[in-house]
PDB file of N, CA and C in Angstrom:
ATOM      1  N   MET A   1       0.841  -1.192   0.000  1.00  0.00           N
ATOM      2  CA  MET A   1       0.000   0.000   0.000  1.00  0.00           C
ATOM      3  C   MET A   1       0.882   1.250   0.000  1.00  0.00           C
ATOM      4  N   GLU A   2       0.634   2.144  -0.947  1.00  0.00           N
ATOM      5  CA  GLU A   2       1.440   3.358  -1.073  1.00  0.00           C
ATOM      6  C   GLU A   2       0.780   4.495  -0.311  1.00  0.00           C
ATOM      7  N   LYS A   3       1.581   5.231   0.450  1.00  0.00           N
ATOM      8  CA  LYS A   3       1.059   6.348   1.247  1.00  0.00           C
ATOM      9  C   LYS A   3       0.841   7.559   0.335  1.00  0.00           C
ATOM     10  N   GLU A   4      -0.309   8.213   0.484  1.00  0.00           N
ATOM     11  CA  GLU A   4      -0.628   9.396  -0.317  1.00  0.00           C
ATOM     12  C   GLU A   4       0.182  10.586   0.188  1.00  0.00           C
ATOM     13  N   LYS A   5       0.711  11.380  -0.743  1.00  0.00           N
ATOM     14  CA  LYS A   5       1.525  12.529  -0.361  1.00  0.00           C
ATOM     15  C   LYS A   5       0.650  13.611   0.277  1.00  0.00           C
ATOM     16  N   ASP A   6       1.171  14.201   1.335  1.00  0.00           N
ATOM     17  CA  ASP A   6       0.437  15.225   2.074  1.00  0.00           C
ATOM     18  C   ASP A   6       0.825  16.609   1.546  1.00  0.00           C
ATOM     19  N   TYR A   7      -0.157  17.365   1.087  1.00  0.00           N
ATOM     20  CA  TYR A   7       0.085  18.694   0.518  1.00  0.00           C
ATOM     21  C   TYR A   7      -0.309  19.819   1.469  1.00  0.00           C
ATOM     22  N   PHE A   8      -0.450  19.514   2.757  1.00  0.00           N
ATOM     23  CA  PHE A   8      -0.913  20.496   3.731  1.00  0.00           C
ATOM     24  C   PHE A   8      -0.047  21.759   3.723  1.00  0.00           C
ATOM     25  N   TRP A   9       1.271  21.605   3.802  1.00  0.00           N
ATOM     26  CA  TRP A   9       2.145  22.775   3.887  1.00  0.00           C
ATOM     27  C   TRP A   9       2.178  23.557   2.576  1.00  0.00           C
ATOM     28  N   TYR A  10       1.939  22.883   1.459  1.00  0.00           N
ATOM     29  CA  TYR A  10       1.824  23.597   0.182  1.00  0.00           C
ATOM     30  C   TYR A  10       0.582  24.487   0.179  1.00  0.00           C
ATOM     31  N   TYR A  11      -0.516  23.970   0.718  1.00  0.00           N
ATOM     32  CA  TYR A  11      -1.745  24.770   0.809  1.00  0.00           C
ATOM     33  C   TYR A  11      -1.546  25.957   1.746  1.00  0.00           C
ATOM     34  N   VAL A  12      -0.928  25.716   2.893  1.00  0.00           N
ATOM     35  CA  VAL A  12      -0.682  26.801   3.852  1.00  0.00           C
ATOM     36  C   VAL A  12       0.208  27.871   3.215  1.00  0.00           C
ATOM     37  N   GLY A  13       1.269  27.449   2.551  1.00  0.00           N
ATOM     38  CA  GLY A  13       2.161  28.402   1.882  1.00  0.00           C
ATOM     39  C   GLY A  13       1.451  29.187   0.793  1.00  0.00           C
ATOM     40  N   GLY A  14       0.611  28.508   0.027  1.00  0.00           N
ATOM     41  CA  GLY A  14      -0.147  29.184  -1.027  1.00  0.00           C
ATOM     42  C   GLY A  14      -1.103  30.220  -0.477  1.00  0.00           C
ATOM     43  N   ILE A  15      -1.761  29.884   0.616  1.00  0.00           N
ATOM     44  CA  ILE A  15      -2.689  30.831   1.245  1.00  0.00           C
ATOM     45  C   ILE A  15      -1.934  32.050   1.769  1.00  0.00           C
ATOM     46  N   ILE A  16      -0.773  31.825   2.397  1.00  0.00           N
ATOM     47  CA  ILE A  16       0.020  32.938   2.922  1.00  0.00           C
ATOM     48  C   ILE A  16       0.473  33.855   1.789  1.00  0.00           C
ATOM     49  N   VAL A  17       0.926  33.273   0.692  1.00  0.00           N
ATOM     50  CA  VAL A  17       1.362  34.078  -0.456  1.00  0.00           C
ATOM     51  C   VAL A  17       0.184  34.860  -1.043  1.00  0.00           C
ATOM     52  N   ALA A  18      -0.976  34.218  -1.161  1.00  0.00           N
ATOM     53  CA  ALA A  18      -2.158  34.890  -1.716  1.00  0.00           C
ATOM     54  C   ALA A  18      -2.586  36.066  -0.832  1.00  0.00           C
ATOM     55  N   VAL A  19      -2.571  35.880   0.476  1.00  0.00           N
ATOM     56  CA  VAL A  19      -2.950  36.963   1.391  1.00  0.00           C
ATOM     57  C   VAL A  19      -1.944  38.104   1.305  1.00  0.00           C
ATOM     58  N   ALA A  20      -0.656  37.775   1.237  1.00  0.00           N
ATOM     59  CA  ALA A  20       0.369  38.813   1.145  1.00  0.00           C
ATOM     60  C   ALA A  20       0.209  39.631  -0.144  1.00  0.00           C
ATOM     61  N   ILE A  21      -0.067  38.956  -1.252  1.00  0.00           N
ATOM     62  CA  ILE A  21      -0.267  39.659  -2.519  1.00  0.00           C
ATOM     63  C   ILE A  21      -1.500  40.548  -2.452  1.00  0.00           C
ATOM     64  N   THR A  22      -2.576  40.044  -1.864  1.00  0.00           N
ATOM     65  CA  THR A  22      -3.808  40.824  -1.737  1.00  0.00           C
ATOM     66  C   THR A  22      -3.588  42.073  -0.889  1.00  0.00           C
ATOM     67  N   VAL A  23      -2.905  41.914   0.251  1.00  0.00           N
ATOM     68  CA  VAL A  23      -2.632  43.065   1.122  1.00  0.00           C
ATOM     69  C   VAL A  23      -1.774  44.092   0.389  1.00  0.00           C
ATOM     70  N   PHE A  24      -0.759  43.632  -0.341  1.00  0.00           N
ATOM     71  CA  PHE A  24       0.109  44.545  -1.085  1.00  0.00           C
ATOM     72  C   PHE A  24      -0.680  45.308  -2.146  1.00  0.00           C
ATOM     73  N   MET A  25      -1.566  44.615  -2.857  1.00  0.00           N
ATOM     74  CA  MET A  25      -2.345  45.264  -3.917  1.00  0.00           C
ATOM     75  C   MET A  25      -3.309  46.297  -3.341  1.00  0.00           C
ATOM     76  N   VAL A  26      -3.968  45.968  -2.235  1.00  0.00           N
ATOM     77  CA  VAL A  26      -4.905  46.916  -1.616  1.00  0.00           C
ATOM     78  C   VAL A  26      -4.148  48.123  -1.082  1.00  0.00           C
ATOM     79  N   LYS A  27      -3.007  47.875  -0.447  1.00  0.00           N
ATOM     80  CA  LYS A  27      -2.226  48.976   0.109  1.00  0.00           C
ATOM     81  C   LYS A  27      -1.723  49.907  -0.989  1.00  0.00           C
ATOM     82  N   SER A  28      -1.260  49.365  -2.091  1.00  0.00           N
ATOM     83  CA  SER A  28      -0.740  50.215  -3.168  1.00  0.00           C
ATOM     84  C   SER A  28      -1.859  50.927  -3.916  1.00  0.00           C
ATOM     85  N   SER A  29      -3.053  50.355  -3.971  1.00  0.00           N
ATOM     86  CA  SER A  29      -4.146  51.012  -4.691  1.00  0.00           C
ATOM     87  C   SER A  29      -4.703  52.201  -3.914  1.00  0.00           C
ATOM     88  N   GLU A  30      -4.535  52.214  -2.602  1.00  0.00           N
ATOM     89  CA  GLU A  30      -5.050  53.319  -1.790  1.00  0.00           C
ATOM     90  C   GLU A  30      -3.965  54.327  -1.447  1.00  0.00           C
ATOM     91  N   HIS A  31      -2.824  54.241  -2.101  1.00  0.00           N
ATOM     92  CA  HIS A  31      -1.701  55.112  -1.763  1.00  0.00           C
ATOM     93  C   HIS A  31      -2.052  56.585  -1.951  1.00  0.00           C
ATOM     94  N   GLY A  32      -2.648  56.958  -3.066  1.00  0.00           N
ATOM     95  CA  GLY A  32      -2.925  58.358  -3.341  1.00  0.00           C
ATOM     96  C   GLY A  32      -4.306  58.812  -2.912  1.00  0.00           C
ATOM     97  N   LYS A  33      -4.978  57.989  -2.157  1.00  0.00           N
ATOM     98  CA  LYS A  33      -6.373  58.252  -1.800  1.00  0.00           C
ATOM     99  C   LYS A  33      -6.537  59.554  -1.012  1.00  0.00           C
ATOM    100  N   TYR A  34      -5.632  59.812  -0.084  1.00  0.00           N
ATOM    101  CA  TYR A  34      -5.788  60.971   0.798  1.00  0.00           C
ATOM    102  C   TYR A  34      -4.840  62.105   0.425  1.00  0.00           C
ATOM    103  N   GLU A  35      -4.291  62.051  -0.776  1.00  0.00           N
ATOM    104  CA  GLU A  35      -3.321  63.059  -1.173  1.00  0.00           C
ATOM    105  C   GLU A  35      -3.940  64.454  -1.281  1.00  0.00           C
ATOM    106  N   THR A  36      -5.151  64.543  -1.798  1.00  0.00           N
ATOM    107  CA  THR A  36      -5.826  65.843  -1.927  1.00  0.00           C
ATOM    108  C   THR A  36      -6.063  66.462  -0.559  1.00  0.00           C
ATOM    109  N   ALA A  37      -6.524  65.662   0.392  1.00  0.00           N
ATOM    110  CA  ALA A  37      -6.767  66.164   1.743  1.00  0.00           C
ATOM    111  C   ALA A  37      -5.455  66.582   2.405  1.00  0.00           C
ATOM    112  N   ALA A  38      -4.414  65.830   2.185  1.00  0.00           N
ATOM    113  CA  ALA A  38      -3.118  66.163   2.785  1.00  0.00           C
ATOM    114  C   ALA A  38      -2.599  67.493   2.245  1.00  0.00           C
ATOM    115  N   ARG A  39      -2.791  67.738   0.955  1.00  0.00           N
ATOM    116  CA  ARG A  39      -2.358  69.015   0.370  1.00  0.00           C
ATOM    117  C   ARG A  39      -3.174  70.171   0.940  1.00  0.00           C
ATOM    118  N   ALA A  40      -4.482  69.969   1.098  1.00  0.00           N
ATOM    119  CA  ALA A  40      -5.331  71.038   1.645  1.00  0.00           C
ATOM    120  C   ALA A  40      -4.937  71.349   3.084  1.00  0.00           C
ATOM    121  N   ILE A  41      -4.635  70.319   3.845  1.00  0.00           N
ATOM    122  CA  ILE A  41      -4.218  70.532   5.238  1.00  0.00           C
ATOM    123  C   ILE A  41      -2.860  71.231   5.281  1.00  0.00           C
ATOM    124  N   ALA A  42      -1.971  70.875   4.364  1.00  0.00           N
ATOM    125  CA  ALA A  42      -0.648  71.506   4.332  1.00  0.00           C
ATOM    126  C   ALA A  42      -0.764  72.991   4.001  1.00  0.00           C
ATOM    127  N   GLU A  43      -1.708  73.350   3.139  1.00  0.00           N
ATOM    128  CA  GLU A  43      -1.905  74.757   2.790  1.00  0.00           C
ATOM    129  C   GLU A  43      -2.473  75.544   3.962  1.00  0.00           C
ATOM    130  N   ASP A  44      -3.459  74.956   4.633  1.00  0.00           N
ATOM    131  CA  ASP A  44      -4.135  75.656   5.724  1.00  0.00           C
ATOM    132  C   ASP A  44      -4.401  74.656   6.844  1.00  0.00           C
ATOM    133  N   ALA A  45      -3.651  74.748   7.915  1.00  0.00           N
ATOM    134  CA  ALA A  45      -3.754  73.778   9.020  1.00  0.00           C
ATOM    135  C   ALA A  45      -5.122  73.829   9.706  1.00  0.00           C
ATOM    136  N   THR A  46      -5.838  74.934   9.603  1.00  0.00           N
ATOM    137  CA  THR A  46      -7.163  75.019  10.211  1.00  0.00           C
ATOM    138  C   THR A  46      -8.198  74.218   9.417  1.00  0.00           C
ATOM    139  N   ASN A  47      -7.797  73.719   8.252  1.00  0.00           N
ATOM    140  CA  ASN A  47      -8.656  72.925   7.400  1.00  0.00           C
ATOM    141  C   ASN A  47      -8.843  71.500   7.929  1.00  0.00           C
ATOM    142  N   SER A  48      -8.031  71.121   8.886  1.00  0.00           N
ATOM    143  CA  SER A  48      -8.048  69.747   9.380  1.00  0.00           C
ATOM    144  C   SER A  48      -9.052  69.593  10.505  1.00  0.00           C
ATOM    145  N   SER A  49      -9.632  68.410  10.617  1.00  0.00           N
ATOM    146  CA  SER A  49     -10.531  68.143  11.729  1.00  0.00           C
ATOM    147  C   SER A  49      -9.737  67.661  12.950  1.00  0.00           C
ATOM    148  N   TYR A  50      -8.442  67.446  12.775  1.00  0.00           N
ATOM    149  CA  TYR A  50      -7.560  67.048  13.881  1.00  0.00           C
ATOM    150  C   TYR A  50      -6.790  68.263  14.342  1.00  0.00           C
ATOM    151  N   ARG A  51      -7.167  68.771  15.491  1.00  0.00           N
ATOM    152  CA  ARG A  51      -6.506  69.993  15.987  1.00  0.00           C
ATOM    153  C   ARG A  51      -5.776  69.721  17.265  1.00  0.00           C
TER     154      ARG A  51
END
């Protein structure tokens, strides 16, 4: 009787890589999201809701 190969660690590694890629893509897509607000705050500090 031949033992079936266990792919558990391959699945775990694949999931970790997929999550890392997803986090990287989401983080890079939102990079410029708040740039307009940051410029407005830099021009006039009273423009910010954080005082």
